[in-house]
């Protein structure tokens, strides 16, 4: 099934190294999508320096996109020696990944009175303004505090529509998470269970190993995976999720 999703990546803890890791993840998902002939379009970005990505939002369209990438959502931890580290010490940094399905307007109704809309000039990768008119749009959903910016499109109207699509997806995900939390709390009350760690995956460069903590999956060739070759990891996770005996 042809699907459109919204990919959002944000640098977490770890300063510049977290921003570099966020950029690595974005490049990985972009190349993975291109290898599958999926369409990738960047909607918004914030750079912290050369190669340092604070956040990015992109739209990915392709056959089965959400089903393939939905398990990428969560906190990704990286352990490696930064290029600027003279002492050879391993640093630990994080980045968050969100995979949101594009939601039809009828699924989530938004009251226009609940929106605060600001406009500004679109910027390039270096942060400089690349347009003389304010085509970029930032929308705040006042009841939830969700803020979305979009600057990829040429017109303010188009950027506004894209920003609304992202807000709609975020609100839909918030509703899903609230329902899941209620179910999880009920389940813990019935059968008990330990709290899970915040991270879903660790990228360990010294050991050339990727570990997915949710499904007990481990793969090597880390650099190859970061070049967009995610298939082996995704296949192993899919098998680990499958019911026993299937």
Protein backbone atom coordinates (compact mmCIF):
# COMPACT_ATOMS: atom_id res chain seq x y z
CA UNK A 1 0.00 0.00 0.00
CA UNK A 2 1.30 3.44 -0.97
CA UNK A 3 1.82 5.54 2.15
CA UNK A 4 3.07 8.96 3.15
CA UNK A 5 4.82 9.43 6.49
CA UNK A 6 6.47 12.26 8.36
CA UNK A 7 10.02 11.68 9.61
CA UNK A 8 11.24 13.88 12.45
CA UNK A 9 14.76 13.65 13.87
CA UNK A 10 16.06 15.75 16.77
CA UNK A 11 19.48 15.87 18.40
CA UNK A 12 19.31 14.82 22.04
CA UNK A 13 21.97 14.84 24.75
CA UNK A 14 25.60 15.10 23.77
CA UNK A 15 26.08 18.56 22.29
CA UNK A 16 27.67 18.75 18.85
CA UNK A 17 28.15 14.99 18.70
CA UNK A 18 24.38 14.51 19.10
CA UNK A 19 23.84 16.88 16.17
CA UNK A 20 26.32 14.95 14.04
CA UNK A 21 24.57 11.69 14.92
CA UNK A 22 21.19 13.20 14.02
CA UNK A 23 22.65 14.14 10.63
CA UNK A 24 23.97 10.58 10.19
CA UNK A 25 20.50 9.15 10.88
CA UNK A 26 18.82 11.56 8.48
CA UNK A 27 21.25 10.65 5.71
CA UNK A 28 20.69 6.95 6.45
CA UNK A 29 16.89 7.16 6.19
CA UNK A 30 17.15 9.34 3.08
CA UNK A 31 19.43 6.88 1.29
CA UNK A 32 17.37 3.91 2.45
CA UNK A 33 14.24 5.57 1.03
CA UNK A 34 15.94 6.46 -2.24
CA UNK A 35 17.11 2.86 -2.63
CA UNK A 36 13.45 1.84 -2.50
CA UNK A 37 12.40 4.54 -4.97
CA UNK A 38 10.49 6.39 -2.26
CA UNK A 39 10.12 10.13 -2.55
CA UNK A 40 11.80 12.22 0.17
CA UNK A 41 11.07 15.90 0.65
CA UNK A 42 12.57 17.99 3.43
CA UNK A 43 10.02 20.29 5.07
CA UNK A 44 12.02 22.01 7.79
CA UNK A 45 15.48 21.95 9.36
CA UNK A 46 17.60 23.61 12.02
CA UNK A 47 21.39 23.39 11.75
CA UNK A 48 23.80 23.99 14.60
CA UNK A 49 26.99 24.13 12.56
CA UNK A 50 28.85 22.33 9.80
CA UNK A 51 27.32 18.86 9.62
CA UNK A 52 25.51 19.43 12.92
CA UNK A 53 21.76 18.92 12.64
CA UNK A 54 19.61 20.09 15.53
CA UNK A 55 16.35 18.94 13.96
CA UNK A 56 14.81 18.00 10.63
CA UNK A 57 11.32 17.18 9.40
CA UNK A 58 10.81 15.39 6.09
CA UNK A 59 7.97 13.77 4.17
CA UNK A 60 8.56 10.27 2.79
CA UNK A 61 6.15 8.71 0.28
CA UNK A 62 6.35 5.15 -0.96
CA UNK A 63 5.04 1.60 -0.97
CA UNK A 64 4.58 0.42 2.63
CA UNK A 65 6.65 3.28 4.06
CA UNK A 66 4.97 3.39 7.47
CA UNK A 67 4.92 -0.38 7.95
CA UNK A 68 8.63 -0.61 7.12
CA UNK A 69 9.85 2.29 9.27
CA UNK A 70 7.39 2.48 12.18
CA UNK A 71 9.73 0.61 14.55
CA UNK A 72 12.42 3.29 14.11
CA UNK A 73 10.52 5.60 16.48
CA UNK A 74 12.29 6.26 19.77
CA UNK A 75 15.60 7.31 21.32
CA UNK A 76 18.72 6.16 19.47
CA UNK A 77 21.98 6.11 21.45
CA UNK A 78 25.41 6.30 19.84
CA UNK A 79 28.72 5.36 21.45
CA UNK A 80 31.82 6.47 19.52
CA UNK A 81 34.98 8.53 19.63
CA UNK A 82 34.31 12.00 18.18
CA UNK A 83 36.75 13.25 15.56
CA UNK A 84 37.56 16.18 17.84
CA UNK A 85 38.38 13.92 20.81
CA UNK A 86 42.16 13.88 21.20
CA UNK A 87 42.20 11.59 24.21
CA UNK A 88 40.41 8.75 22.41
CA UNK A 89 37.53 8.72 24.87
CA UNK A 90 34.21 7.20 23.87
CA UNK A 91 31.30 9.65 24.04
CA UNK A 92 27.65 8.71 24.44
CA UNK A 93 25.05 10.84 22.66
CA UNK A 94 21.42 10.49 21.65
CA UNK A 95 18.98 11.51 18.95
CA UNK A 96 15.23 10.98 18.77
CA UNK A 97 13.40 9.62 15.74
CA UNK A 98 9.66 9.91 15.13
CA UNK A 99 7.78 8.19 12.30
CA UNK A 100 4.28 9.62 11.95
CA UNK A 101 1.63 8.50 9.45
CA UNK A 102 0.01 11.22 7.38
CA UNK A 103 -3.49 11.65 8.80
CA UNK A 104 -6.55 12.66 6.71
CA UNK A 105 -8.23 15.89 7.90
CA UNK A 106 -11.39 14.01 8.89
CA UNK A 107 -9.39 11.91 11.40
CA UNK A 108 -8.28 14.92 13.46
CA UNK A 109 -10.30 18.13 13.47
CA UNK A 110 -8.39 21.29 14.37
CA UNK A 111 -10.14 24.42 15.59
CA UNK A 112 -8.59 27.42 13.77
CA UNK A 113 -9.02 29.45 16.96
CA UNK A 114 -6.53 27.10 18.63
CA UNK A 115 -3.73 28.00 16.19
CA UNK A 116 -1.10 30.74 16.43
CA UNK A 117 0.48 31.31 13.02
CA UNK A 118 3.78 33.17 12.50
CA UNK A 119 5.65 33.77 9.25
CA UNK A 120 9.36 34.24 8.60
CA UNK A 121 11.94 34.03 5.83
CA UNK A 122 13.11 30.60 4.74
CA UNK A 123 16.76 29.84 5.46
CA UNK A 124 19.44 27.74 3.82
CA UNK A 125 21.73 25.11 5.35
CA UNK A 126 24.02 27.76 6.75
CA UNK A 127 21.17 29.58 8.47
CA UNK A 128 21.20 32.52 6.10
CA UNK A 129 17.92 33.84 4.71
CA UNK A 130 17.48 32.67 1.13
CA UNK A 131 14.27 34.58 0.36
CA UNK A 132 13.29 38.21 0.73
CA UNK A 133 9.63 37.45 1.47
CA UNK A 134 8.23 35.59 4.46
CA UNK A 135 7.16 32.29 2.90
CA UNK A 136 8.08 30.07 5.86
CA UNK A 137 5.38 29.33 8.43
CA UNK A 138 5.44 28.40 12.11
CA UNK A 139 2.21 27.15 13.68
CA UNK A 140 1.59 26.64 17.38
CA UNK A 141 -1.31 24.48 18.54
CA UNK A 142 -2.17 26.39 21.73
CA UNK A 143 -4.03 23.67 23.71
CA UNK A 144 -1.11 21.20 23.44
CA UNK A 145 1.87 23.48 22.83
CA UNK A 146 2.85 21.57 19.70
CA UNK A 147 4.96 23.79 17.42
CA UNK A 148 5.62 23.01 13.75
CA UNK A 149 7.55 25.01 11.16
CA UNK A 150 7.67 24.46 7.41
CA UNK A 151 9.81 26.32 4.87
CA UNK A 152 10.36 23.93 1.97
CA UNK A 153 7.52 25.10 -0.26
CA UNK A 154 7.72 28.25 -2.39
CA UNK A 155 4.54 29.86 -1.09
CA UNK A 156 3.27 30.70 2.37
CA UNK A 157 -0.04 28.95 1.68
CA UNK A 158 1.70 25.69 0.72
CA UNK A 159 3.94 25.81 3.80
CA UNK A 160 0.89 26.45 5.97
CA UNK A 161 -0.85 23.36 4.59
CA UNK A 162 2.25 21.22 5.14
CA UNK A 163 2.63 22.50 8.70
CA UNK A 164 -1.02 21.67 9.40
CA UNK A 165 -0.46 18.14 8.08
CA UNK A 166 2.40 17.68 10.54
CA UNK A 167 0.39 19.08 13.44
CA UNK A 168 -2.48 16.77 12.54
CA UNK A 169 -0.10 13.79 12.55
CA UNK A 170 1.38 14.81 15.90
CA UNK A 171 -2.04 15.25 17.52
CA UNK A 172 -3.14 11.88 16.16
CA UNK A 173 -0.01 10.27 17.60
CA UNK A 174 -0.63 11.93 20.96
CA UNK A 175 -4.12 10.41 21.06
CA UNK A 176 -2.69 6.98 20.16
CA UNK A 177 -0.03 7.30 22.87
CA UNK A 178 -2.63 8.26 25.48
CA UNK A 179 -4.68 5.19 24.63
CA UNK A 180 -1.58 2.97 24.72
CA UNK A 181 -0.55 4.40 28.09
CA UNK A 182 -3.93 3.56 29.55
CA UNK A 183 -3.69 -0.01 28.26
CA UNK A 184 -0.09 -0.39 29.50
CA UNK A 185 -1.03 0.86 32.97
CA UNK A 186 -3.88 -1.62 33.12
CA UNK A 187 -1.60 -4.46 31.98
CA UNK A 188 1.08 -3.59 34.57
CA UNK A 189 -1.60 -3.57 37.26
CA UNK A 190 -2.66 -7.07 36.21
CA UNK A 191 0.66 -8.83 35.50
CA UNK A 192 3.34 -6.41 36.69
CA UNK A 193 6.46 -5.51 34.70
CA UNK A 194 9.67 -3.54 34.84
CA UNK A 195 10.02 -0.08 33.36
CA UNK A 196 11.78 -0.10 30.02
CA UNK A 197 14.82 2.03 29.36
CA UNK A 198 14.21 5.17 27.33
CA UNK A 199 16.55 4.12 24.53
CA UNK A 200 15.35 1.71 21.86
CA UNK A 201 18.66 1.19 20.06
CA UNK A 202 22.39 1.55 20.67
CA UNK A 203 24.88 2.23 17.88
CA UNK A 204 28.23 1.06 19.28
CA UNK A 205 31.08 2.06 16.96
CA UNK A 206 34.03 0.52 18.89
CA UNK A 207 32.31 -2.88 18.81
CA UNK A 208 30.82 -2.36 15.31
CA UNK A 209 27.43 -3.42 16.63
CA UNK A 210 23.85 -2.19 16.56
CA UNK A 211 21.61 -3.45 19.36
CA UNK A 212 17.84 -3.06 19.35
CA UNK A 213 16.90 -3.35 23.01
CA UNK A 214 13.18 -3.95 22.45
CA UNK A 215 13.53 -7.10 20.40
CA UNK A 216 16.98 -8.40 21.41
CA UNK A 217 18.29 -7.96 17.87
CA UNK A 218 21.97 -7.36 17.12
CA UNK A 219 23.69 -6.74 13.76
CA UNK A 220 27.20 -5.76 12.70
CA UNK A 221 28.56 -3.70 9.79
CA UNK A 222 27.41 -0.51 11.47
CA UNK A 223 28.96 1.84 8.90
CA UNK A 224 27.23 -0.06 6.09
CA UNK A 225 23.85 0.31 7.82
CA UNK A 226 24.42 4.05 8.27
CA UNK A 227 24.96 4.29 4.52
CA UNK A 228 21.32 3.32 4.07
CA UNK A 229 21.51 -0.48 4.16
CA UNK A 230 18.87 -0.99 6.82
CA UNK A 231 17.29 -4.10 5.32
CA UNK A 232 19.10 -6.70 7.45
CA UNK A 233 18.24 -4.89 10.69
CA UNK A 234 14.61 -4.35 9.70
CA UNK A 235 14.24 -7.99 8.61
CA UNK A 236 15.65 -9.28 11.91
CA UNK A 237 13.31 -7.04 13.90
CA UNK A 238 10.35 -8.24 11.82
CA UNK A 239 11.25 -11.88 12.55
CA UNK A 240 11.76 -11.16 16.26
CA UNK A 241 8.29 -9.58 16.41
CA UNK A 242 6.60 -12.49 14.66
CA UNK A 243 4.59 -14.89 16.87
CA UNK A 244 6.40 -18.10 17.80
CA UNK A 245 5.88 -20.84 15.27
CA UNK A 246 4.76 -18.47 12.49
